[in-house]
């Protein structure tokens, strides 16, 4: 099969930030990504001035052990994630998975299996791949964690969360997920997604994972929206 190599020859990848040829994200631009290195909410990972609970987590307890994100969802990273999700730039999963692995090695969590946030089958057919699953494979390969892609299912079509309020986001994904079988019974799960905004999707997934027998659920996302 020579189609892939031929396409790479005719249309070589370019760094989505600076345009350098032959890489999807070059080392120099990776180093300039907006890493989250300062204090965060000890539960949901929202950047704060001091490490404490954010107002939302003080008011409403988070329904998982915690959420952490490697980068801020802004600037070139926003463009890179858009390319990965909507422009079929699957090659970006490698360098972005490397970003997740770098974060993980600095801030590991007590888990033994990665579960990507699933797409509904109809959306998966249209897109052709699940970007969260691509990132999960890359992270798992780099840090030695197993990945269970079919353990969590999205059983209901949901609206795009992009323009919904926080309350509408929670209603939109309520009951949208379920565990396929008992393979996560007693497992410590790392739920993986590309972006966290309000955490509504991650919490809905965590509810399903706990119902399916997961012992604990942490979440890691590539980016955190303000």
Foldseek 3Di string as FASTA:
>chain_A
DCPVVVCCVVPNAAPLAPGHGNAPNDPVRLVVFAFDDAAAAQAERHDDPHHHHDPVCVVPPFLARHEHATGACDDSNVVSVCCVQPVVPLRSLQVLLVSVLVVCVVPPDPFAEEEEQDDAPVVCVVRVHASQVSSRVNNCVNPVHHYDHQQKHQQDDFDDPPPDDPVVLLVRRAPRMATPAQPQAAGAYEYEDAEDEPCNSVRNRSVRSVVSHHPGYYYYHHHYYD
